[in-house]
Amino acid sequence: MDKYYSYADFLKAMGRNQTVSEAEKLLNEIYMDLFLNHVHREQRKDRLLTLIDHALDQKDKGSFVAYANELSQLQQDSV
């Protein structure tokens, strides 16, 4: 899902004869990708929080540490 969009690509799309449709398509694609990434991150975060709660309930230190580390990494990656 993580695509790379450059400002140069956007400017190329704007500079073509079909400026509105190509630039609009590129912007829509960028916004859709950003939205889907956000939704996926939030779902993963919620799932990890549930798994952390379950590990705490079961007193499973190993799982707790693994899920907590994954959550921490997820939060660092989103910054």
PDB file of N, CA and C in Angstrom:
ATOM      1  N   MET A   1       0.793  -1.196   0.000  1.00  0.00           N
ATOM      2  CA  MET A   1       0.000   0.000   0.000  1.00  0.00           C
ATOM      3  C   MET A   1       0.839   1.267   0.000  1.00  0.00           C
ATOM      4  N   ASP A   2       2.011   1.215   0.596  1.00  0.00           N
ATOM      5  CA  ASP A   2       2.823   2.420   0.703  1.00  0.00           C
ATOM      6  C   ASP A   2       3.459   2.749  -0.636  1.00  0.00           C
ATOM      7  N   LYS A   3       2.814   3.622  -1.369  1.00  0.00           N
ATOM      8  CA  LYS A   3       3.339   4.070  -2.648  1.00  0.00           C
ATOM      9  C   LYS A   3       4.097   5.358  -2.434  1.00  0.00           C
ATOM     10  N   TYR A   4       5.007   5.643  -3.336  1.00  0.00           N
ATOM     11  CA  TYR A   4       5.757   6.876  -3.259  1.00  0.00           C
ATOM     12  C   TYR A   4       5.242   7.821  -4.337  1.00  0.00           C
ATOM     13  N   TYR A   5       4.804   8.977  -3.935  1.00  0.00           N
ATOM     14  CA  TYR A   5       4.328   9.987  -4.862  1.00  0.00           C
ATOM     15  C   TYR A   5       5.259  11.192  -4.756  1.00  0.00           C
ATOM     16  N   SER A   6       5.790  11.606  -5.868  1.00  0.00           N
ATOM     17  CA  SER A   6       6.686  12.751  -5.824  1.00  0.00           C
ATOM     18  C   SER A   6       5.955  14.000  -6.328  1.00  0.00           C
ATOM     19  N   TYR A   7       6.463  15.117  -5.886  1.00  0.00           N
ATOM     20  CA  TYR A   7       5.924  16.388  -6.334  1.00  0.00           C
ATOM     21  C   TYR A   7       6.166  16.531  -7.832  1.00  0.00           C
ATOM     22  N   ALA A   8       7.284  15.992  -8.302  1.00  0.00           N
ATOM     23  CA  ALA A   8       7.604  16.051  -9.732  1.00  0.00           C
ATOM     24  C   ALA A   8       6.553  15.301 -10.551  1.00  0.00           C
ATOM     25  N   ASP A   9       6.095  14.140 -10.058  1.00  0.00           N
ATOM     26  CA  ASP A   9       5.043  13.395 -10.763  1.00  0.00           C
ATOM     27  C   ASP A   9       3.766  14.210 -10.860  1.00  0.00           C
ATOM     28  N   PHE A  10       3.450  14.892  -9.779  1.00  0.00           N
ATOM     29  CA  PHE A  10       2.252  15.724  -9.789  1.00  0.00           C
ATOM     30  C   PHE A  10       2.399  16.870 -10.785  1.00  0.00           C
ATOM     31  N   LEU A  11       3.574  17.504 -10.793  1.00  0.00           N
ATOM     32  CA  LEU A  11       3.798  18.611 -11.729  1.00  0.00           C
ATOM     33  C   LEU A  11       3.755  18.131 -13.175  1.00  0.00           C
ATOM     34  N   LYS A  12       4.268  16.925 -13.429  1.00  0.00           N
ATOM     35  CA  LYS A  12       4.188  16.361 -14.783  1.00  0.00           C
ATOM     36  C   LYS A  12       2.729  16.188 -15.183  1.00  0.00           C
ATOM     37  N   ALA A  13       1.933  15.683 -14.265  1.00  0.00           N
ATOM     38  CA  ALA A  13       0.512  15.487 -14.556  1.00  0.00           C
ATOM     39  C   ALA A  13      -0.172  16.823 -14.810  1.00  0.00           C
ATOM     40  N   MET A  14       0.239  17.844 -14.084  1.00  0.00           N
ATOM     41  CA  MET A  14      -0.360  19.166 -14.261  1.00  0.00           C
ATOM     42  C   MET A  14       0.073  19.804 -15.580  1.00  0.00           C
ATOM     43  N   GLY A  15       1.293  19.479 -16.040  1.00  0.00           N
ATOM     44  CA  GLY A  15       1.830  20.111 -17.225  1.00  0.00           C
ATOM     45  C   GLY A  15       1.333  19.530 -18.540  1.00  0.00           C
ATOM     46  N   ARG A  16       0.681  18.402 -18.504  1.00  0.00           N
ATOM     47  CA  ARG A  16       0.185  17.778 -19.727  1.00  0.00           C
ATOM     48  C   ARG A  16      -1.076  18.481 -20.216  1.00  0.00           C
ATOM     49  N   ASN A  17      -1.447  18.197 -21.443  1.00  0.00           N
ATOM     50  CA  ASN A  17      -2.636  18.818 -22.034  1.00  0.00           C
ATOM     51  C   ASN A  17      -3.901  18.466 -21.274  1.00  0.00           C
ATOM     52  N   GLN A  18      -3.979  17.247 -20.774  1.00  0.00           N
ATOM     53  CA  GLN A  18      -5.184  16.803 -20.057  1.00  0.00           C
ATOM     54  C   GLN A  18      -4.991  17.078 -18.560  1.00  0.00           C
ATOM     55  N   THR A  19      -4.634  18.292 -18.249  1.00  0.00           N
ATOM     56  CA  THR A  19      -4.218  18.643 -16.892  1.00  0.00           C
ATOM     57  C   THR A  19      -5.236  18.276 -15.821  1.00  0.00           C
ATOM     58  N   VAL A  20      -6.447  18.644 -16.012  1.00  0.00           N
ATOM     59  CA  VAL A  20      -7.437  18.444 -14.954  1.00  0.00           C
ATOM     60  C   VAL A  20      -7.652  16.972 -14.666  1.00  0.00           C
ATOM     61  N   SER A  21      -7.874  16.183 -15.692  1.00  0.00           N
ATOM     62  CA  SER A  21      -8.204  14.788 -15.442  1.00  0.00           C
ATOM     63  C   SER A  21      -7.002  14.002 -14.919  1.00  0.00           C
ATOM     64  N   GLU A  22      -5.808  14.207 -15.460  1.00  0.00           N
ATOM     65  CA  GLU A  22      -4.636  13.460 -14.998  1.00  0.00           C
ATOM     66  C   GLU A  22      -4.214  13.895 -13.601  1.00  0.00           C
ATOM     67  N   ALA A  23      -4.195  15.190 -13.359  1.00  0.00           N
ATOM     68  CA  ALA A  23      -3.824  15.689 -12.040  1.00  0.00           C
ATOM     69  C   ALA A  23      -4.865  15.270 -11.002  1.00  0.00           C
ATOM     70  N   GLU A  24      -6.126  15.337 -11.392  1.00  0.00           N
ATOM     71  CA  GLU A  24      -7.204  14.937 -10.487  1.00  0.00           C
ATOM     72  C   GLU A  24      -7.104  13.453 -10.143  1.00  0.00           C
ATOM     73  N   LYS A  25      -6.827  12.634 -11.139  1.00  0.00           N
ATOM     74  CA  LYS A  25      -6.672  11.192 -10.902  1.00  0.00           C
ATOM     75  C   LYS A  25      -5.511  10.917  -9.958  1.00  0.00           C
ATOM     76  N   LEU A  26      -4.394  11.610 -10.171  1.00  0.00           N
ATOM     77  CA  LEU A  26      -3.236  11.416  -9.311  1.00  0.00           C
ATOM     78  C   LEU A  26      -3.545  11.843  -7.878  1.00  0.00           C
ATOM     79  N   LEU A  27      -4.184  12.989  -7.716  1.00  0.00           N
ATOM     80  CA  LEU A  27      -4.546  13.442  -6.367  1.00  0.00           C
ATOM     81  C   LEU A  27      -5.523  12.483  -5.697  1.00  0.00           C
ATOM     82  N   ASN A  28      -6.500  12.008  -6.447  1.00  0.00           N
ATOM     83  CA  ASN A  28      -7.450  11.039  -5.890  1.00  0.00           C
ATOM     84  C   ASN A  28      -6.739   9.774  -5.459  1.00  0.00           C
ATOM     85  N   GLU A  29      -5.777   9.323  -6.251  1.00  0.00           N
ATOM     86  CA  GLU A  29      -5.022   8.124  -5.903  1.00  0.00           C
ATOM     87  C   GLU A  29      -4.198   8.349  -4.634  1.00  0.00           C
ATOM     88  N   ILE A  30      -3.583   9.521  -4.534  1.00  0.00           N
ATOM     89  CA  ILE A  30      -2.789   9.846  -3.346  1.00  0.00           C
ATOM     90  C   ILE A  30      -3.681   9.891  -2.102  1.00  0.00           C
ATOM     91  N   TYR A  31      -4.802  10.587  -2.192  1.00  0.00           N
ATOM     92  CA  TYR A  31      -5.714  10.686  -1.048  1.00  0.00           C
ATOM     93  C   TYR A  31      -6.273   9.327  -0.655  1.00  0.00           C
ATOM     94  N   MET A  32      -6.608   8.497  -1.630  1.00  0.00           N
ATOM     95  CA  MET A  32      -7.138   7.169  -1.330  1.00  0.00           C
ATOM     96  C   MET A  32      -6.078   6.326  -0.628  1.00  0.00           C
ATOM     97  N   ASP A  33      -4.852   6.404  -1.097  1.00  0.00           N
ATOM     98  CA  ASP A  33      -3.768   5.649  -0.483  1.00  0.00           C
ATOM     99  C   ASP A  33      -3.529   6.109   0.948  1.00  0.00           C
ATOM    100  N   LEU A  34      -3.526   7.420   1.171  1.00  0.00           N
ATOM    101  CA  LEU A  34      -3.356   7.950   2.525  1.00  0.00           C
ATOM    102  C   LEU A  34      -4.492   7.504   3.448  1.00  0.00           C
ATOM    103  N   PHE A  35      -5.701   7.559   2.942  1.00  0.00           N
ATOM    104  CA  PHE A  35      -6.866   7.152   3.732  1.00  0.00           C
ATOM    105  C   PHE A  35      -6.787   5.669   4.093  1.00  0.00           C
ATOM    106  N   LEU A  36      -6.485   4.831   3.118  1.00  0.00           N
ATOM    107  CA  LEU A  36      -6.407   3.394   3.377  1.00  0.00           C
ATOM    108  C   LEU A  36      -5.275   3.055   4.349  1.00  0.00           C
ATOM    109  N   ASN A  37      -4.152   3.749   4.224  1.00  0.00           N
ATOM    110  CA  ASN A  37      -3.059   3.543   5.181  1.00  0.00           C
ATOM    111  C   ASN A  37      -3.489   3.911   6.593  1.00  0.00           C
ATOM    112  N   HIS A  38      -4.206   5.017   6.709  1.00  0.00           N
ATOM    113  CA  HIS A  38      -4.690   5.453   8.023  1.00  0.00           C
ATOM    114  C   HIS A  38      -5.651   4.422   8.624  1.00  0.00           C
ATOM    115  N   VAL A  39      -6.584   3.958   7.825  1.00  0.00           N
ATOM    116  CA  VAL A  39      -7.562   2.966   8.302  1.00  0.00           C
ATOM    117  C   VAL A  39      -6.846   1.685   8.717  1.00  0.00           C
ATOM    118  N   HIS A  40      -5.905   1.237   7.908  1.00  0.00           N
ATOM    119  CA  HIS A  40      -5.174   0.006   8.223  1.00  0.00           C
ATOM    120  C   HIS A  40      -4.393   0.149   9.526  1.00  0.00           C
ATOM    121  N   ARG A  41      -3.714   1.291   9.713  1.00  0.00           N
ATOM    122  CA  ARG A  41      -2.970   1.539  10.953  1.00  0.00           C
ATOM    123  C   ARG A  41      -3.889   1.532  12.166  1.00  0.00           C
ATOM    124  N   GLU A  42      -5.046   2.184  12.047  1.00  0.00           N
ATOM    125  CA  GLU A  42      -5.986   2.237  13.177  1.00  0.00           C
ATOM    126  C   GLU A  42      -6.534   0.850  13.510  1.00  0.00           C
ATOM    127  N   GLN A  43      -6.842   0.060  12.491  1.00  0.00           N
ATOM    128  CA  GLN A  43      -7.331  -1.297  12.733  1.00  0.00           C
ATOM    129  C   GLN A  43      -6.253  -2.144  13.396  1.00  0.00           C
ATOM    130  N   ARG A  44      -5.019  -2.020  12.934  1.00  0.00           N
ATOM    131  CA  ARG A  44      -3.915  -2.782  13.521  1.00  0.00           C
ATOM    132  C   ARG A  44      -3.689  -2.348  14.964  1.00  0.00           C
ATOM    133  N   LYS A  45      -3.766  -1.053  15.225  1.00  0.00           N
ATOM    134  CA  LYS A  45      -3.595  -0.539  16.585  1.00  0.00           C
ATOM    135  C   LYS A  45      -4.675  -1.096  17.514  1.00  0.00           C
ATOM    136  N   ASP A  46      -5.924  -1.063  17.067  1.00  0.00           N
ATOM    137  CA  ASP A  46      -7.023  -1.599  17.874  1.00  0.00           C
ATOM    138  C   ASP A  46      -6.837  -3.089  18.149  1.00  0.00           C
ATOM    139  N   ARG A  47      -6.401  -3.827  17.127  1.00  0.00           N
ATOM    140  CA  ARG A  47      -6.181  -5.270  17.294  1.00  0.00           C
ATOM    141  C   ARG A  47      -5.052  -5.528  18.296  1.00  0.00           C
ATOM    142  N   LEU A  48      -3.968  -4.763  18.195  1.00  0.00           N
ATOM    143  CA  LEU A  48      -2.855  -4.937  19.130  1.00  0.00           C
ATOM    144  C   LEU A  48      -3.272  -4.596  20.557  1.00  0.00           C
ATOM    145  N   LEU A  49      -4.081  -3.564  20.726  1.00  0.00           N
ATOM    146  CA  LEU A  49      -4.559  -3.220  22.070  1.00  0.00           C
ATOM    147  C   LEU A  49      -5.410  -4.348  22.654  1.00  0.00           C
ATOM    148  N   THR A  50      -6.230  -4.967  21.834  1.00  0.00           N
ATOM    149  CA  THR A  50      -7.036  -6.107  22.283  1.00  0.00           C
ATOM    150  C   THR A  50      -6.137  -7.274  22.671  1.00  0.00           C
ATOM    151  N   LEU A  51      -5.135  -7.542  21.847  1.00  0.00           N
ATOM    152  CA  LEU A  51      -4.205  -8.636  22.151  1.00  0.00           C
ATOM    153  C   LEU A  51      -3.394  -8.353  23.410  1.00  0.00           C
ATOM    154  N   ILE A  52      -3.030  -7.101  23.625  1.00  0.00           N
ATOM    155  CA  ILE A  52      -2.305  -6.723  24.845  1.00  0.00           C
ATOM    156  C   ILE A  52      -3.193  -6.947  26.067  1.00  0.00           C
ATOM    157  N   ASP A  53      -4.442  -6.523  25.981  1.00  0.00           N
ATOM    158  CA  ASP A  53      -5.384  -6.744  27.089  1.00  0.00           C
ATOM    159  C   ASP A  53      -5.531  -8.236  27.392  1.00  0.00           C
ATOM    160  N   HIS A  54      -5.653  -9.033  26.352  1.00  0.00           N
ATOM    161  CA  HIS A  54      -5.802 -10.476  26.531  1.00  0.00           C
ATOM    162  C   HIS A  54      -4.540 -11.072  27.173  1.00  0.00           C
ATOM    163  N   ALA A  55      -3.373 -10.640  26.725  1.00  0.00           N
ATOM    164  CA  ALA A  55      -2.123 -11.143  27.302  1.00  0.00           C
ATOM    165  C   ALA A  55      -2.021 -10.762  28.775  1.00  0.00           C
ATOM    166  N   LEU A  56      -2.467  -9.555  29.117  1.00  0.00           N
ATOM    167  CA  LEU A  56      -2.464  -9.151  30.524  1.00  0.00           C
ATOM    168  C   LEU A  56      -3.426 -10.010  31.341  1.00  0.00           C
ATOM    169  N   ASP A  57      -4.612 -10.257  30.791  1.00  0.00           N
ATOM    170  CA  ASP A  57      -5.587 -11.101  31.491  1.00  0.00           C
ATOM    171  C   ASP A  57      -5.042 -12.510  31.738  1.00  0.00           C
ATOM    172  N   GLN A  58      -4.284 -13.012  30.760  1.00  0.00           N
ATOM    173  CA  GLN A  58      -3.727 -14.367  30.858  1.00  0.00           C
ATOM    174  C   GLN A  58      -2.376 -14.398  31.585  1.00  0.00           C
ATOM    175  N   LYS A  59      -1.884 -13.220  31.972  1.00  0.00           N
ATOM    176  CA  LYS A  59      -0.575 -13.079  32.613  1.00  0.00           C
ATOM    177  C   LYS A  59       0.538 -13.681  31.746  1.00  0.00           C
ATOM    178  N   ASP A  60       0.422 -13.430  30.444  1.00  0.00           N
ATOM    179  CA  ASP A  60       1.380 -13.937  29.456  1.00  0.00           C
ATOM    180  C   ASP A  60       2.368 -12.819  29.121  1.00  0.00           C
ATOM    181  N   LYS A  61       3.468 -12.791  29.879  1.00  0.00           N
ATOM    182  CA  LYS A  61       4.441 -11.709  29.738  1.00  0.00           C
ATOM    183  C   LYS A  61       5.076 -11.681  28.347  1.00  0.00           C
ATOM    184  N   GLY A  62       5.396 -12.839  27.806  1.00  0.00           N
ATOM    185  CA  GLY A  62       6.039 -12.898  26.489  1.00  0.00           C
ATOM    186  C   GLY A  62       5.172 -12.287  25.398  1.00  0.00           C
ATOM    187  N   SER A  63       3.898 -12.660  25.372  1.00  0.00           N
ATOM    188  CA  SER A  63       2.983 -12.105  24.366  1.00  0.00           C
ATOM    189  C   SER A  63       2.778 -10.615  24.592  1.00  0.00           C
ATOM    190  N   PHE A  64       2.642 -10.230  25.865  1.00  0.00           N
ATOM    191  CA  PHE A  64       2.466  -8.811  26.174  1.00  0.00           C
ATOM    192  C   PHE A  64       3.632  -7.986  25.628  1.00  0.00           C
ATOM    193  N   VAL A  65       4.846  -8.432  25.894  1.00  0.00           N
ATOM    194  CA  VAL A  65       6.031  -7.691  25.441  1.00  0.00           C
ATOM    195  C   VAL A  65       6.074  -7.635  23.912  1.00  0.00           C
ATOM    196  N   ALA A  66       5.769  -8.750  23.255  1.00  0.00           N
ATOM    197  CA  ALA A  66       5.794  -8.794  21.788  1.00  0.00           C
ATOM    198  C   ALA A  66       4.766  -7.829  21.196  1.00  0.00           C
ATOM    199  N   TYR A  67       3.541  -7.868  21.716  1.00  0.00           N
ATOM    200  CA  TYR A  67       2.491  -6.985  21.192  1.00  0.00           C
ATOM    201  C   TYR A  67       2.772  -5.522  21.516  1.00  0.00           C
ATOM    202  N   ALA A  68       3.280  -5.273  22.713  1.00  0.00           N
ATOM    203  CA  ALA A  68       3.600  -3.893  23.103  1.00  0.00           C
ATOM    204  C   ALA A  68       4.718  -3.335  22.216  1.00  0.00           C
ATOM    205  N   ASN A  69       5.717  -4.159  21.922  1.00  0.00           N
ATOM    206  CA  ASN A  69       6.798  -3.714  21.027  1.00  0.00           C
ATOM    207  C   ASN A  69       6.272  -3.443  19.628  1.00  0.00           C
ATOM    208  N   GLU A  70       5.386  -4.304  19.152  1.00  0.00           N
ATOM    209  CA  GLU A  70       4.806  -4.094  17.814  1.00  0.00           C
ATOM    210  C   GLU A  70       3.972  -2.820  17.781  1.00  0.00           C
ATOM    211  N   LEU A  71       3.206  -2.567  18.830  1.00  0.00           N
ATOM    212  CA  LEU A  71       2.421  -1.338  18.911  1.00  0.00           C
ATOM    213  C   LEU A  71       3.330  -0.117  18.946  1.00  0.00           C
ATOM    214  N   SER A  72       4.395  -0.200  19.718  1.00  0.00           N
ATOM    215  CA  SER A  72       5.349   0.906  19.787  1.00  0.00           C
ATOM    216  C   SER A  72       5.964   1.181  18.415  1.00  0.00           C
ATOM    217  N   GLN A  73       6.331   0.122  17.700  1.00  0.00           N
ATOM    218  CA  GLN A  73       6.899   0.282  16.358  1.00  0.00           C
ATOM    219  C   GLN A  73       5.886   0.889  15.397  1.00  0.00           C
ATOM    220  N   LEU A  74       4.655   0.440  15.489  1.00  0.00           N
ATOM    221  CA  LEU A  74       3.589   0.982  14.639  1.00  0.00           C
ATOM    222  C   LEU A  74       3.407   2.476  14.873  1.00  0.00           C
ATOM    223  N   GLN A  75       3.437   2.883  16.141  1.00  0.00           N
ATOM    224  CA  GLN A  75       3.275   4.288  16.464  1.00  0.00           C
ATOM    225  C   GLN A  75       4.475   5.119  16.017  1.00  0.00           C
ATOM    226  N   GLN A  76       5.670   4.564  16.086  1.00  0.00           N
ATOM    227  CA  GLN A  76       6.857   5.274  15.622  1.00  0.00           C
ATOM    228  C   GLN A  76       6.839   5.425  14.111  1.00  0.00           C
ATOM    229  N   ASP A  77       6.379   4.398  13.410  1.00  0.00           N
ATOM    230  CA  ASP A  77       6.331   4.443  11.947  1.00  0.00           C
ATOM    231  C   ASP A  77       5.319   5.457  11.437  1.00  0.00           C
ATOM    232  N   SER A  78       4.287   5.742  12.212  1.00  0.00           N
ATOM    233  CA  SER A  78       3.251   6.651  11.757  1.00  0.00           C
ATOM    234  C   SER A  78       3.596   8.114  12.014  1.00  0.00           C
ATOM    235  N   VAL A  79       4.700   8.354  12.663  1.00  0.00           N
ATOM    236  CA  VAL A  79       5.111   9.746  12.951  1.00  0.00           C
ATOM    237  C   VAL A  79       5.917  10.306  11.825  1.00  0.00           C
TER     238      VAL A  79
END
